[in-house]
Protein backbone atom coordinates (compact mmCIF):
# COMPACT_ATOMS: atom_id res chain seq x y z
CA MET A 1 -16.99 51.09 -9.87
CA ILE A 2 -13.46 50.23 -8.72
CA SER A 3 -13.39 51.57 -5.17
CA GLY A 4 -17.06 51.28 -4.20
CA GLU A 5 -17.32 54.96 -3.23
CA ASP A 6 -16.99 58.42 -4.76
CA LYS A 7 -13.27 59.18 -5.11
CA THR A 8 -13.53 61.77 -7.86
CA GLN A 9 -12.69 64.69 -5.58
CA THR A 10 -9.31 63.08 -4.84
CA TRP A 11 -8.32 62.85 -8.51
CA HIS A 12 -5.61 65.27 -9.64
CA LEU A 13 -4.22 65.00 -13.17
CA PHE A 14 -1.07 67.04 -13.91
CA SER A 15 -1.52 69.01 -10.64
CA LEU A 16 -5.00 70.11 -11.75
CA SER A 17 -7.89 70.38 -9.30
CA ALA A 18 -10.45 67.57 -9.05
CA ASN A 19 -13.08 69.44 -11.09
CA GLN A 20 -10.52 70.37 -13.75
CA THR A 21 -9.38 66.74 -13.93
CA LEU A 22 -12.97 65.58 -14.36
CA GLY A 23 -13.50 68.18 -17.09
CA ILE A 24 -10.49 66.90 -19.04
CA LEU A 25 -11.67 63.29 -18.63
CA GLU A 26 -15.17 64.25 -19.83
CA ILE A 27 -13.71 65.84 -22.96
CA VAL A 28 -11.62 62.73 -23.68
CA PHE A 29 -14.69 60.53 -23.17
CA LEU A 30 -16.74 62.67 -25.56
CA ILE A 31 -14.04 62.39 -28.23
CA VAL A 32 -13.90 58.60 -27.92
CA VAL A 33 -17.70 58.27 -28.07
CA THR A 34 -17.93 60.52 -31.13
CA ALA A 35 -15.16 58.56 -32.88
CA ILE A 36 -16.95 55.22 -32.34
CA ALA A 37 -20.45 56.55 -33.07
CA SER A 38 -19.30 58.00 -36.40
CA LYS A 39 -18.58 54.43 -37.55
CA GLY A 40 -22.27 53.70 -38.09
CA ILE A 41 -25.69 53.12 -36.53
CA ASN A 42 -24.95 49.42 -35.95
CA LYS A 43 -22.24 50.32 -33.44
CA ILE A 44 -24.67 52.57 -31.58
CA ALA A 45 -27.46 49.97 -31.59
CA GLU A 46 -25.24 47.17 -30.29
CA ILE A 47 -23.86 49.23 -27.41
CA SER A 48 -27.24 50.77 -26.48
CA SER A 49 -29.00 47.38 -26.39
CA VAL A 50 -26.50 45.88 -23.94
CA CYS A 51 -26.42 49.02 -21.81
CA GLY A 52 -30.21 49.20 -21.53
CA VAL A 53 -30.32 45.81 -19.82
CA PHE A 54 -27.87 46.99 -17.15
CA THR A 55 -29.90 50.17 -16.52
CA LEU A 56 -33.09 48.21 -15.82
CA GLY A 57 -31.11 45.65 -13.82
CA ILE A 58 -29.97 48.11 -11.16
CA ALA A 59 -33.53 49.41 -10.73
CA ALA A 60 -34.74 45.83 -10.20
CA LEU A 61 -31.93 45.16 -7.68
CA PHE A 62 -32.71 48.30 -5.69
CA ILE A 63 -36.45 47.61 -5.61
CA LEU A 64 -35.99 43.94 -4.59
CA ALA A 65 -33.49 44.70 -1.81
CA SER A 66 -35.64 47.56 -0.49
CA LEU A 67 -38.76 45.40 -0.41
CA VAL A 68 -36.89 42.66 1.48
CA LEU A 69 -35.61 45.24 3.97
CA TRP A 70 -39.09 46.76 4.35
CA VAL A 71 -40.58 43.36 5.20
CA MET A 72 -37.79 42.65 7.70
CA ASN A 73 -38.48 46.03 9.34
CA HIS A 74 -42.16 45.09 9.64
CA GLY A 75 -43.18 48.06 7.51
CA ALA A 76 -41.09 50.66 9.38
CA LEU A 77 -39.37 53.36 7.28
CA ALA A 78 -36.11 55.19 7.91
CA GLU A 79 -37.75 58.32 6.45
CA PRO A 80 -41.31 58.30 7.86
CA VAL A 81 -44.18 59.16 5.51
CA THR A 82 -45.93 62.12 7.11
CA ALA A 83 -48.22 64.81 5.76
CA MET A 84 -45.33 67.31 6.01
CA ASN A 85 -42.94 65.03 4.12
CA LEU A 86 -45.44 64.70 1.29
CA ILE A 87 -45.73 68.46 0.74
CA LYS A 88 -42.30 69.72 1.84
CA SER A 89 -39.01 68.43 0.45
CA PRO A 90 -36.30 67.58 3.00
CA ASN A 91 -33.76 68.87 0.47
CA HIS A 92 -32.82 72.44 1.46
CA ASP A 93 -32.30 73.30 -2.23
CA PHE A 94 -36.01 72.74 -2.90
CA GLN A 95 -37.78 74.53 -0.05
CA THR A 96 -39.23 77.58 -1.78
CA PRO A 97 -42.14 77.48 -4.27
CA ILE A 98 -39.83 78.73 -7.05
CA ALA A 99 -37.29 75.98 -6.36
CA ILE A 100 -40.03 73.34 -6.37
CA ILE A 101 -41.37 74.58 -9.71
CA SER A 102 -37.82 74.55 -11.12
CA PHE A 103 -37.70 70.82 -10.38
CA ILE A 104 -40.08 70.31 -13.32
CA VAL A 105 -37.12 70.16 -15.72
CA TYR A 106 -35.62 67.32 -13.66
CA ALA A 107 -38.85 65.38 -14.09
CA LEU A 108 -38.99 66.20 -17.81
CA PHE A 109 -35.43 65.01 -18.33
CA ALA A 110 -36.38 61.59 -16.93
CA TYR A 111 -38.37 61.04 -20.12
CA GLY A 112 -36.00 62.83 -22.50
CA GLY A 113 -34.75 59.59 -23.97
CA LEU A 114 -38.19 58.86 -25.43
CA GLU A 115 -37.97 61.84 -27.76
CA THR A 116 -34.29 61.24 -28.52
CA MET A 117 -34.98 57.69 -29.72
CA ALA A 118 -37.33 59.11 -32.36
CA GLY A 119 -34.21 60.14 -34.26
CA VAL A 120 -33.38 56.51 -35.04
CA ILE A 121 -36.95 55.39 -35.81
CA ASP A 122 -36.01 54.59 -39.41
CA SER A 123 -33.74 51.83 -38.07
CA VAL A 124 -36.61 50.10 -36.19
CA ASP A 125 -38.53 47.15 -37.62
CA LYS A 126 -42.13 48.18 -38.51
CA PRO A 127 -41.80 51.57 -36.76
CA GLU A 128 -45.44 52.59 -37.35
CA LYS A 129 -46.51 49.83 -34.92
CA THR A 130 -43.42 49.12 -32.84
CA PHE A 131 -42.41 52.67 -31.94
CA PRO A 132 -45.74 53.97 -30.54
CA LYS A 133 -46.14 50.83 -28.44
CA ALA A 134 -42.57 51.14 -27.18
CA LEU A 135 -43.13 54.79 -26.21
CA ILE A 136 -46.31 54.04 -24.29
CA TRP A 137 -44.88 51.04 -22.46
CA ALA A 138 -41.65 52.89 -21.67
CA MET A 139 -43.63 55.82 -20.25
CA ILE A 140 -45.75 53.55 -18.05
CA ILE A 141 -42.79 51.50 -16.81
CA MET A 142 -40.60 54.54 -16.11
CA THR A 143 -43.39 56.31 -14.22
CA LEU A 144 -44.01 53.28 -12.00
CA LEU A 145 -40.28 52.75 -11.44
CA TYR A 146 -39.75 56.39 -10.43
CA VAL A 147 -42.69 56.52 -8.02
CA LEU A 148 -41.81 53.16 -6.44
CA SER A 149 -38.08 53.90 -6.25
CA ILE A 150 -38.60 57.33 -4.65
CA PHE A 151 -40.82 55.76 -2.00
CA LEU A 152 -38.41 52.87 -1.40
CA CYS A 153 -35.51 55.31 -0.86
CA GLY A 154 -37.09 56.01 2.52
CA VAL A 155 -36.93 52.34 3.55
CA SER A 156 -33.19 52.41 4.27
CA ALA A 157 -32.18 56.08 4.18
CA ASN A 158 -33.12 58.97 6.46
CA TRP A 159 -32.57 62.33 4.81
CA SER A 160 -31.06 64.13 7.80
CA SER A 161 -28.59 61.40 8.75
CA ILE A 162 -27.66 59.99 5.32
CA LEU A 163 -28.53 62.16 2.32
CA GLY A 164 -28.52 65.73 3.66
CA LYS A 165 -24.77 65.95 4.31
CA LYS A 166 -22.48 68.44 2.55
CA ASN A 167 -20.37 65.74 0.87
CA VAL A 168 -23.47 64.35 -0.88
CA ASN A 169 -24.08 65.91 -4.31
CA LEU A 170 -26.00 65.21 -7.50
CA ALA A 171 -23.19 63.04 -8.83
CA ASN A 172 -22.73 60.67 -5.89
CA VAL A 173 -26.14 60.64 -4.13
CA GLU A 174 -27.08 57.41 -5.89
CA TYR A 175 -24.00 55.63 -4.53
CA VAL A 176 -24.48 57.01 -1.03
CA LEU A 177 -28.05 55.69 -1.11
CA ILE A 178 -27.12 52.26 -2.47
CA ASN A 179 -24.13 51.90 -0.15
CA ASN A 180 -26.28 52.70 2.87
CA MET A 181 -28.91 50.20 1.70
CA GLY A 182 -26.29 47.43 1.43
CA LEU A 183 -24.97 48.32 4.89
CA THR A 184 -28.50 48.24 6.34
CA VAL A 185 -29.40 44.94 4.62
CA GLY A 186 -26.17 43.34 5.85
CA THR A 187 -26.83 44.46 9.42
CA LYS A 188 -30.40 43.13 9.28
CA PHE A 189 -29.15 39.73 8.12
CA GLY A 190 -26.83 39.53 11.13
CA MET A 191 -23.56 40.21 9.33
CA SER A 192 -20.63 41.70 11.19
CA HIS A 193 -20.03 45.42 10.78
CA ALA A 194 -17.10 44.74 8.45
CA GLY A 195 -19.25 42.33 6.42
CA ALA A 196 -22.11 44.83 6.18
CA VAL A 197 -19.69 47.56 5.07
CA MET A 198 -18.32 45.21 2.40
CA LEU A 199 -21.86 44.44 1.19
CA GLY A 200 -22.57 48.15 0.89
CA LYS A 201 -19.38 48.54 -1.13
CA VAL A 202 -20.36 45.65 -3.43
CA PHE A 203 -23.81 47.18 -3.95
CA SER A 204 -22.16 50.48 -4.90
CA GLN A 205 -19.82 48.77 -7.34
CA ILE A 206 -22.69 46.92 -9.03
CA THR A 207 -24.58 50.21 -9.32
CA ALA A 208 -21.54 51.96 -10.74
CA LEU A 209 -21.07 49.17 -13.29
CA SER A 210 -24.70 49.63 -14.34
CA ASP A 211 -24.22 53.41 -14.58
CA VAL A 212 -21.10 53.00 -16.71
CA PHE A 213 -23.05 50.92 -19.22
CA GLY A 214 -26.15 53.11 -18.96
CA GLY A 215 -24.09 56.24 -19.49
CA LEU A 216 -22.35 54.69 -22.47
CA GLY A 217 -25.65 53.75 -24.08
CA ALA A 218 -27.11 57.22 -23.56
CA ALA A 219 -23.94 58.95 -24.76
CA PHE A 220 -23.80 57.06 -28.05
CA VAL A 221 -27.44 57.84 -28.84
CA MET A 222 -27.20 61.50 -27.78
CA VAL A 223 -24.16 62.34 -29.92
CA TYR A 224 -25.95 61.08 -33.03
CA SER A 225 -29.75 61.25 -32.79
CA PRO A 226 -30.26 65.04 -32.28
CA ILE A 227 -27.72 65.81 -35.02
CA LYS A 228 -29.48 63.45 -37.44
CA SER A 229 -32.91 64.94 -36.66
CA PHE A 230 -31.53 68.47 -37.04
CA ILE A 231 -29.89 67.83 -40.41
CA GLU A 232 -32.80 65.88 -41.92
CA GLY A 233 -35.43 68.28 -40.58
CA CYS A 234 -33.69 71.46 -41.69
CA ASP A 235 -33.95 73.10 -45.10
CA PRO A 236 -30.70 72.01 -46.85
CA ARG A 237 -30.28 75.51 -48.27
CA LEU A 238 -29.66 76.84 -44.75
CA LEU A 239 -26.71 74.59 -43.93
CA PRO A 240 -23.24 74.31 -45.44
CA LYS A 241 -22.93 71.18 -47.60
CA LYS A 242 -20.00 69.95 -45.55
CA LEU A 243 -22.18 69.95 -42.43
CA THR A 244 -24.81 67.73 -44.03
CA LYS A 245 -22.39 65.44 -45.83
CA MET A 246 -22.48 61.77 -44.80
CA ASN A 247 -19.36 59.65 -44.45
CA LYS A 248 -18.93 56.13 -45.84
CA HIS A 249 -20.90 54.76 -42.86
CA ASN A 250 -23.83 57.09 -43.72
CA MET A 251 -23.20 59.18 -40.60
CA PRO A 252 -22.97 63.02 -40.38
CA ALA A 253 -19.43 62.72 -39.03
CA PHE A 254 -18.36 66.34 -39.65
CA ALA A 255 -21.41 67.71 -37.82
CA MET A 256 -20.83 65.27 -34.95
CA TRP A 257 -17.24 66.45 -34.55
CA ILE A 258 -18.33 70.12 -34.62
CA GLN A 259 -20.80 69.24 -31.85
CA ALA A 260 -18.05 67.51 -29.85
CA ALA A 261 -15.80 70.56 -30.18
CA ILE A 262 -18.50 73.00 -28.97
CA VAL A 263 -19.50 70.82 -26.01
CA SER A 264 -15.84 70.30 -25.08
CA ILE A 265 -15.25 74.06 -24.97
CA ILE A 266 -18.26 74.55 -22.68
CA ILE A 267 -17.15 71.71 -20.36
CA PHE A 268 -13.63 73.18 -20.25
CA PHE A 269 -14.83 76.62 -19.12
CA ILE A 270 -17.22 75.18 -16.51
CA SER A 271 -14.65 72.77 -15.03
CA PHE A 272 -12.01 75.49 -14.82
CA GLY A 273 -14.49 78.00 -13.35
CA GLY A 274 -13.41 77.36 -9.75
CA ASP A 275 -16.79 76.19 -8.36
CA ALA A 276 -17.03 73.67 -5.54
CA ALA A 277 -17.86 70.06 -6.43
CA ASN A 278 -21.55 70.25 -5.54
CA GLN A 279 -21.90 73.49 -7.51
CA PHE A 280 -19.99 71.95 -10.44
CA TYR A 281 -22.38 69.00 -10.67
CA THR A 282 -25.44 71.22 -10.19
CA ILE A 283 -24.36 73.42 -13.09
CA LEU A 284 -23.79 70.43 -15.39
CA THR A 285 -27.10 68.84 -14.40
CA ASP A 286 -29.12 72.06 -14.80
CA MET A 287 -27.49 72.78 -18.17
CA MET A 288 -28.28 69.27 -19.37
CA ASN A 289 -31.88 69.43 -18.15
CA VAL A 290 -32.67 72.89 -19.53
CA SER A 291 -30.95 72.40 -22.88
CA SER A 292 -32.79 69.09 -23.33
CA SER A 293 -36.16 70.56 -22.33
CA ALA A 294 -36.04 73.82 -24.32
CA PRO A 295 -36.49 72.18 -27.78
CA TYR A 296 -39.73 70.61 -26.53
CA LEU A 297 -41.28 74.10 -26.50
CA PHE A 298 -40.96 74.22 -30.28
CA LEU A 299 -42.08 70.61 -30.78
CA VAL A 300 -45.14 70.99 -28.55
CA GLY A 301 -46.01 74.40 -29.98
CA ALA A 302 -45.85 73.08 -33.54
CA PHE A 303 -47.91 69.95 -32.83
CA PRO A 304 -51.43 71.46 -33.23
CA TYR A 305 -50.43 73.05 -36.55
CA PHE A 306 -48.96 69.75 -37.68
CA LYS A 307 -52.28 68.09 -36.81
CA MET A 308 -54.18 70.62 -38.94
CA LYS A 309 -52.18 69.80 -42.07
CA LYS A 310 -54.10 67.70 -44.55
CA ASP A 311 -53.02 64.93 -46.91
CA LEU A 312 -50.23 63.61 -44.68
CA ASP A 313 -49.51 59.94 -44.15
CA ARG A 314 -50.29 59.31 -40.46
CA PRO A 315 -49.66 55.63 -39.62
CA PHE A 316 -50.34 56.34 -35.93
CA VAL A 317 -52.88 58.83 -34.53
CA PHE A 318 -53.31 59.25 -30.77
CA TYR A 319 -55.16 62.58 -30.48
CA LYS A 320 -58.19 62.44 -32.79
CA SER A 321 -59.89 65.61 -31.51
CA MET A 322 -58.42 69.05 -32.26
CA THR A 323 -59.97 70.38 -29.04
CA TRP A 324 -58.02 67.90 -26.92
CA THR A 325 -54.95 68.49 -29.07
CA TRP A 326 -55.01 72.20 -28.23
CA ILE A 327 -55.76 71.64 -24.53
CA VAL A 328 -52.96 69.12 -24.05
CA SER A 329 -50.49 71.15 -26.12
CA ILE A 330 -51.15 74.38 -24.19
CA VAL A 331 -50.92 72.71 -20.77
CA VAL A 332 -47.73 70.83 -21.66
CA TRP A 333 -46.15 73.93 -23.22
CA LEU A 334 -46.88 76.05 -20.14
CA VAL A 335 -45.51 73.38 -17.76
CA ILE A 336 -42.26 73.12 -19.73
CA ALA A 337 -41.88 76.90 -20.11
CA ILE A 338 -42.52 77.60 -16.42
CA GLY A 339 -40.08 74.85 -15.39
CA ILE A 340 -37.32 76.21 -17.62
CA VAL A 341 -37.80 79.84 -16.56
CA PHE A 342 -37.78 79.06 -12.85
CA THR A 343 -34.76 76.75 -13.20
CA CYS A 344 -32.81 79.71 -14.60
CA VAL A 345 -34.23 82.26 -12.14
CA GLU A 346 -34.00 80.25 -8.89
CA PRO A 347 -30.15 80.22 -8.65
CA MET A 348 -30.10 84.01 -9.03
CA LEU A 349 -32.45 84.39 -6.06
CA GLU A 350 -30.02 82.22 -4.06
CA GLY A 351 -27.03 84.33 -5.14
CA GLN A 352 -25.63 81.52 -7.31
CA TYR A 353 -24.99 83.67 -10.36
CA SER A 354 -22.52 81.26 -11.95
CA THR A 355 -25.13 78.47 -11.96
CA ALA A 356 -27.79 80.82 -13.38
CA PHE A 357 -25.45 82.04 -16.13
CA TRP A 358 -24.41 78.59 -17.36
CA THR A 359 -27.93 77.19 -17.05
CA ALA A 360 -29.43 79.88 -19.26
CA LEU A 361 -26.44 80.08 -21.62
CA GLY A 362 -27.33 77.14 -23.85
CA PRO A 363 -30.89 78.02 -24.89
CA VAL A 364 -30.22 81.78 -25.01
CA LEU A 365 -26.84 81.75 -26.80
CA PHE A 366 -27.63 79.05 -29.34
CA GLY A 367 -31.14 80.41 -29.83
CA VAL A 368 -29.73 83.85 -30.72
CA VAL A 369 -27.05 82.33 -32.96
CA ALA A 370 -29.66 80.19 -34.75
CA TRP A 371 -32.01 83.15 -35.21
CA ILE A 372 -29.25 85.34 -36.67
CA TYR A 373 -27.97 82.53 -38.89
CA TYR A 374 -31.48 81.73 -40.17
CA THR A 375 -32.28 85.40 -40.85
CA VAL A 376 -29.04 85.95 -42.80
CA SER A 377 -29.47 82.73 -44.80
CA GLU A 378 -33.10 83.52 -45.57
CA LYS A 379 -32.24 86.99 -46.90
CA ARG A 380 -29.36 85.60 -48.96
CA HIS A 381 -31.58 83.01 -50.68
CA VAL A 382 -34.35 85.54 -51.27
CA LEU A 383 -31.83 87.81 -53.01
CA ASP A 384 -30.48 84.87 -55.00
């Protein structure tokens, strides 16, 4: 946001490496977010509302600038649309069938916020009407934005010359793309090379500003919503009273701080693991995608049984037929499961054992811990 380009690999705090410095900064950021979020839902709502506008704003800017550039190029694309391009990714990390299937979790994560927002549904005005409509409209808008944006990436950027370089990774690819678009737009409008470079820098800074706000909004919701859903949806006999206790702002502050501590430990070990920058960001992204997608297996699997329960207040019913409920649930469950499995397996086939280990660690480790904890608690209460 300040420099207009990715400078993170030049940051060195207390003689630490760039990745270690970023890890420390991420931990500090998480602590600050948790401290503010624990002050109440109003703080989260205010920040998320402002940040959401910025997130949509950058998508609108990118689409508008790309369309203008496309018209000026008389329909020509920097990345031509060919039959081969439609069936084969130019990204060398997604060439094999297994790698392509593993990309499912990336697609799933694009809609992860829809499920997360369900945790704050009780704070929405007339949720039985407002929330379903919001989910449907958000799904439609996000799908159209993704399809259009992916296509428009090829208006200004050629994969081989712009995006396929070694210094481009999952963290900075957005800024490389936007910077190149600004440079291309400036050149098309007859600006000097220095002017076009400056325009690309400004475009990157605007994008970074949007990402700062978008990241803030997502962070505040994510540190609270899953915790709230977990505590309210769990049998209170299974959890220590201190973990479910609310503070004066009616927030599960103790549980949120426990969460911050666990995540901080994981970030610390990954950042100090010695991986290169692109590997570092791939590990973080895969962990985030898989850990966010894994709970959907339980939600989707439980949905048909939830539908079969009688005498429940259902203010909104989308699937009225049990046949379609089972068909959709099975298909969705299989897609998610296959995506998760192949995301964990694919790095091993490429010899990237560190990525595979950290990617699978979350669901496996916490799943085992939860199973043991539940079994012990269940036996203790049966004996009581």
